[in-house]
Amino acid sequence: MMESLRKENKAFTLLEMVIALVIITMFLLIPLSSYNKIENNLQKVIFFNEVKTAWSYSLIQSKIHHDNVRFKFDASNQLIIYDQIGSNDKKKMSLPKGIHLETTRSVVIDRDGTVRPFTIAFYDTDTQKLIKYKIQMEWGEIIES
């Protein structure tokens, strides 16, 4: 009678269940690693778009209100700070993970919306590339190189 009970029992053994769980877990973890890379890249794209938007907004702000606007690229704190000179309303942007500001530089957009040409460099540790933003001419156009 014991033999007939054993033959009718067709359930998984503990070892088979563990192997199945390991395989399922591996299939679930593979996309997670690529998701983190995609998220980091997306944060970088958003950051650089915010920098360009803040720069363009500041150029327009200085022309319309005839106020000087200061941009400080702070490499020691990995921040970009910008404000109207004389105003206490400072806006800060933190750099995303994997992007480092190479140099500290303070730039003033004049009250007529002009600025002296300069270059600001960011280093991407993931791709190991240097990203340069060149501010060209007096009207402050950003050229990425």
C-alpha atoms as a PDB file:
ATOM      1  CA  MET A   1       0.000   0.000   0.000  1.00  0.00           C
ATOM      2  CA  MET A   2       2.910   2.378   0.705  1.00  0.00           C
ATOM      3  CA  GLU A   3       4.312   1.796  -2.746  1.00  0.00           C
ATOM      4  CA  SER A   4       1.060   2.741  -4.425  1.00  0.00           C
ATOM      5  CA  LEU A   5       0.940   6.060  -2.493  1.00  0.00           C
ATOM      6  CA  ARG A   6       4.447   6.968  -3.563  1.00  0.00           C
ATOM      7  CA  LYS A   7       3.755   6.303  -7.211  1.00  0.00           C
ATOM      8  CA  GLU A   8       0.601   8.434  -7.229  1.00  0.00           C
ATOM      9  CA  ASN A   9       2.379  11.452  -5.669  1.00  0.00           C
ATOM     10  CA  LYS A  10       3.428  13.552  -8.699  1.00  0.00           C
ATOM     11  CA  ALA A  11       4.384  16.828  -6.936  1.00  0.00           C
ATOM     12  CA  PHE A  12       7.635  18.761  -7.351  1.00  0.00           C
ATOM     13  CA  THR A  13      10.478  17.999  -4.993  1.00  0.00           C
ATOM     14  CA  LEU A  14      12.072  20.736  -2.927  1.00  0.00           C
ATOM     15  CA  LEU A  15      15.160  20.727  -5.141  1.00  0.00           C
ATOM     16  CA  GLU A  16      13.096  21.179  -8.289  1.00  0.00           C
ATOM     17  CA  MET A  17      11.245  24.113  -6.710  1.00  0.00           C
ATOM     18  CA  VAL A  18      14.504  25.807  -5.691  1.00  0.00           C
ATOM     19  CA  ILE A  19      15.938  25.408  -9.196  1.00  0.00           C
ATOM     20  CA  ALA A  20      12.761  26.845 -10.735  1.00  0.00           C
ATOM     21  CA  LEU A  21      12.855  29.835  -8.351  1.00  0.00           C
ATOM     22  CA  VAL A  22      16.518  30.539  -9.166  1.00  0.00           C
ATOM     23  CA  ILE A  23      15.799  30.506 -12.904  1.00  0.00           C
ATOM     24  CA  ILE A  24      12.771  32.806 -12.528  1.00  0.00           C
ATOM     25  CA  THR A  25      14.749  35.195 -10.298  1.00  0.00           C
ATOM     26  CA  MET A  26      17.576  35.398 -12.859  1.00  0.00           C
ATOM     27  CA  PHE A  27      15.095  36.234 -15.615  1.00  0.00           C
ATOM     28  CA  LEU A  28      13.638  39.012 -13.461  1.00  0.00           C
ATOM     29  CA  LEU A  29      17.019  40.524 -12.510  1.00  0.00           C
ATOM     30  CA  ILE A  30      18.459  40.761 -16.028  1.00  0.00           C
ATOM     31  CA  PRO A  31      16.161  43.629 -17.144  1.00  0.00           C
ATOM     32  CA  LEU A  32      16.700  45.430 -13.831  1.00  0.00           C
ATOM     33  CA  SER A  33      20.385  46.104 -14.578  1.00  0.00           C
ATOM     34  CA  SER A  34      19.601  47.595 -17.979  1.00  0.00           C
ATOM     35  CA  TYR A  35      16.768  49.625 -16.437  1.00  0.00           C
ATOM     36  CA  ASN A  36      19.270  51.357 -14.109  1.00  0.00           C
ATOM     37  CA  LYS A  37      21.460  52.311 -17.084  1.00  0.00           C
ATOM     38  CA  ILE A  38      18.471  53.674 -18.968  1.00  0.00           C
ATOM     39  CA  GLU A  39      17.352  55.661 -15.912  1.00  0.00           C
ATOM     40  CA  ASN A  40      20.842  57.187 -15.454  1.00  0.00           C
ATOM     41  CA  ASN A  41      20.994  58.181 -19.127  1.00  0.00           C
ATOM     42  CA  LEU A  42      17.539  59.707 -18.930  1.00  0.00           C
ATOM     43  CA  GLN A  43      18.531  61.757 -15.865  1.00  0.00           C
ATOM     44  CA  LYS A  44      21.543  63.091 -17.793  1.00  0.00           C
ATOM     45  CA  VAL A  45      19.418  64.087 -20.789  1.00  0.00           C
ATOM     46  CA  ILE A  46      16.934  65.828 -18.498  1.00  0.00           C
ATOM     47  CA  PHE A  47      19.742  67.643 -16.671  1.00  0.00           C
ATOM     48  CA  PHE A  48      21.358  68.987 -19.851  1.00  0.00           C
ATOM     49  CA  ASN A  49      17.956  70.097 -21.158  1.00  0.00           C
ATOM     50  CA  GLU A  50      17.354  71.920 -17.856  1.00  0.00           C
ATOM     51  CA  VAL A  51      20.738  73.653 -18.176  1.00  0.00           C
ATOM     52  CA  LYS A  52      19.907  74.838 -21.697  1.00  0.00           C
ATOM     53  CA  THR A  53      16.427  75.951 -20.622  1.00  0.00           C
ATOM     54  CA  ALA A  54      17.742  77.839 -17.586  1.00  0.00           C
ATOM     55  CA  TRP A  55      20.377  79.535 -19.743  1.00  0.00           C
ATOM     56  CA  SER A  56      17.835  80.566 -22.400  1.00  0.00           C
ATOM     57  CA  TYR A  57      15.392  81.760 -19.739  1.00  0.00           C
ATOM     58  CA  SER A  58      18.129  83.832 -18.091  1.00  0.00           C
ATOM     59  CA  LEU A  59      19.082  85.447 -21.401  1.00  0.00           C
ATOM     60  CA  ILE A  60      15.463  86.443 -21.996  1.00  0.00           C
ATOM     61  CA  GLN A  61      15.048  87.582 -18.377  1.00  0.00           C
ATOM     62  CA  SER A  62      18.066  89.870 -18.608  1.00  0.00           C
ATOM     63  CA  LYS A  63      16.852  91.425 -21.875  1.00  0.00           C
ATOM     64  CA  ILE A  64      13.264  92.001 -20.703  1.00  0.00           C
ATOM     65  CA  HIS A  65      13.972  93.259 -17.169  1.00  0.00           C
ATOM     66  CA  HIS A  66      17.346  94.856 -17.912  1.00  0.00           C
ATOM     67  CA  ASP A  67      18.932  92.998 -14.979  1.00  0.00           C
ATOM     68  CA  ASN A  68      22.241  91.181 -14.828  1.00  0.00           C
ATOM     69  CA  VAL A  69      21.981  87.425 -14.296  1.00  0.00           C
ATOM     70  CA  ARG A  70      24.813  85.443 -12.719  1.00  0.00           C
ATOM     71  CA  PHE A  71      25.560  81.788 -13.438  1.00  0.00           C
ATOM     72  CA  LYS A  72      27.993  80.011 -11.160  1.00  0.00           C
ATOM     73  CA  PHE A  73      29.289  76.620 -12.247  1.00  0.00           C
ATOM     74  CA  ASP A  74      30.600  75.239  -8.933  1.00  0.00           C
ATOM     75  CA  ALA A  75      32.880  72.204  -9.397  1.00  0.00           C
ATOM     76  CA  SER A  76      33.632  71.767  -5.681  1.00  0.00           C
ATOM     77  CA  ASN A  77      29.950  71.281  -4.769  1.00  0.00           C
ATOM     78  CA  GLN A  78      28.872  69.923  -8.183  1.00  0.00           C
ATOM     79  CA  LEU A  79      26.155  72.583  -8.475  1.00  0.00           C
ATOM     80  CA  ILE A  80      24.974  75.169 -10.953  1.00  0.00           C
ATOM     81  CA  ILE A  81      23.569  78.275  -9.272  1.00  0.00           C
ATOM     82  CA  TYR A  82      21.912  81.127 -11.123  1.00  0.00           C
ATOM     83  CA  ASP A  83      20.127  84.266 -10.003  1.00  0.00           C
ATOM     84  CA  GLN A  84      19.420  87.870 -10.845  1.00  0.00           C
ATOM     85  CA  ILE A  85      22.148  89.985  -9.315  1.00  0.00           C
ATOM     86  CA  GLY A  86      20.717  91.791  -6.314  1.00  0.00           C
ATOM     87  CA  SER A  87      17.964  89.225  -5.833  1.00  0.00           C
ATOM     88  CA  ASN A  88      17.863  86.639  -3.051  1.00  0.00           C
ATOM     89  CA  ASP A  89      16.066  84.138  -5.273  1.00  0.00           C
ATOM     90  CA  LYS A  90      18.867  81.695  -6.152  1.00  0.00           C
ATOM     91  CA  LYS A  91      18.065  78.638  -8.206  1.00  0.00           C
ATOM     92  CA  LYS A  92      20.248  75.550  -7.867  1.00  0.00           C
ATOM     93  CA  MET A  93      20.705  72.520 -10.078  1.00  0.00           C
ATOM     94  CA  SER A  94      22.518  69.451  -8.795  1.00  0.00           C
ATOM     95  CA  LEU A  95      24.446  67.368 -11.246  1.00  0.00           C
ATOM     96  CA  PRO A  96      23.154  63.825 -11.827  1.00  0.00           C
ATOM     97  CA  LYS A  97      25.119  60.742 -10.870  1.00  0.00           C
ATOM     98  CA  GLY A  98      27.910  60.119 -13.373  1.00  0.00           C
ATOM     99  CA  ILE A  99      28.315  63.771 -14.467  1.00  0.00           C
ATOM    100  CA  HIS A 100      31.062  65.932 -12.990  1.00  0.00           C
ATOM    101  CA  LEU A 101      31.742  69.611 -13.547  1.00  0.00           C
ATOM    102  CA  GLU A 102      35.373  70.109 -14.519  1.00  0.00           C
ATOM    103  CA  THR A 103      35.961  73.749 -13.506  1.00  0.00           C
ATOM    104  CA  THR A 104      34.441  76.427 -11.301  1.00  0.00           C
ATOM    105  CA  ARG A 105      33.395  79.480 -13.237  1.00  0.00           C
ATOM    106  CA  SER A 106      31.154  82.460 -12.631  1.00  0.00           C
ATOM    107  CA  VAL A 107      29.550  84.139 -15.650  1.00  0.00           C
ATOM    108  CA  VAL A 108      27.408  87.273 -15.797  1.00  0.00           C
ATOM    109  CA  ILE A 109      24.786  87.840 -18.470  1.00  0.00           C
ATOM    110  CA  ASP A 110      24.668  91.597 -18.964  1.00  0.00           C
ATOM    111  CA  ARG A 111      21.432  93.540 -18.664  1.00  0.00           C
ATOM    112  CA  ASP A 112      21.155  93.734 -22.459  1.00  0.00           C
ATOM    113  CA  GLY A 113      21.337  89.934 -22.765  1.00  0.00           C
ATOM    114  CA  THR A 114      24.920  89.713 -23.941  1.00  0.00           C
ATOM    115  CA  VAL A 115      27.672  87.578 -22.495  1.00  0.00           C
ATOM    116  CA  ARG A 116      31.343  87.001 -23.195  1.00  0.00           C
ATOM    117  CA  PRO A 117      32.204  83.727 -24.941  1.00  0.00           C
ATOM    118  CA  PHE A 118      33.295  80.887 -22.679  1.00  0.00           C
ATOM    119  CA  THR A 119      33.331  77.099 -22.484  1.00  0.00           C
ATOM    120  CA  ILE A 120      32.075  74.929 -19.652  1.00  0.00           C
ATOM    121  CA  ALA A 121      33.062  71.247 -19.504  1.00  0.00           C
ATOM    122  CA  PHE A 122      31.285  68.286 -17.938  1.00  0.00           C
ATOM    123  CA  TYR A 123      32.794  64.825 -17.621  1.00  0.00           C
ATOM    124  CA  ASP A 124      30.587  61.752 -18.033  1.00  0.00           C
ATOM    125  CA  THR A 125      32.109  58.940 -15.956  1.00  0.00           C
ATOM    126  CA  ASP A 126      29.903  56.275 -17.571  1.00  0.00           C
ATOM    127  CA  THR A 127      30.949  56.982 -21.168  1.00  0.00           C
ATOM    128  CA  GLN A 128      34.272  58.577 -20.152  1.00  0.00           C
ATOM    129  CA  LYS A 129      33.622  61.503 -22.456  1.00  0.00           C
ATOM    130  CA  LEU A 130      34.093  65.213 -21.992  1.00  0.00           C
ATOM    131  CA  ILE A 131      30.963  67.218 -22.849  1.00  0.00           C
ATOM    132  CA  LYS A 132      31.675  70.849 -23.686  1.00  0.00           C
ATOM    133  CA  TYR A 133      29.146  73.639 -23.847  1.00  0.00           C
ATOM    134  CA  LYS A 134      30.487  76.655 -25.712  1.00  0.00           C
ATOM    135  CA  ILE A 135      28.743  79.963 -25.281  1.00  0.00           C
ATOM    136  CA  GLN A 136      29.306  81.701 -28.599  1.00  0.00           C
ATOM    137  CA  MET A 137      29.116  85.277 -29.703  1.00  0.00           C
ATOM    138  CA  GLU A 138      27.575  87.970 -27.604  1.00  0.00           C
ATOM    139  CA  TRP A 139      24.037  86.648 -27.722  1.00  0.00           C
ATOM    140  CA  GLY A 140      24.948  83.596 -25.652  1.00  0.00           C
ATOM    141  CA  GLU A 141      24.034  80.710 -27.936  1.00  0.00           C
ATOM    142  CA  ILE A 142      24.935  77.286 -26.467  1.00  0.00           C
ATOM    143  CA  ILE A 143      26.808  74.969 -28.814  1.00  0.00           C
ATOM    144  CA  GLU A 144      27.360  71.411 -27.614  1.00  0.00           C
ATOM    145  CA  SER A 145      30.552  69.667 -28.676  1.00  0.00           C
END
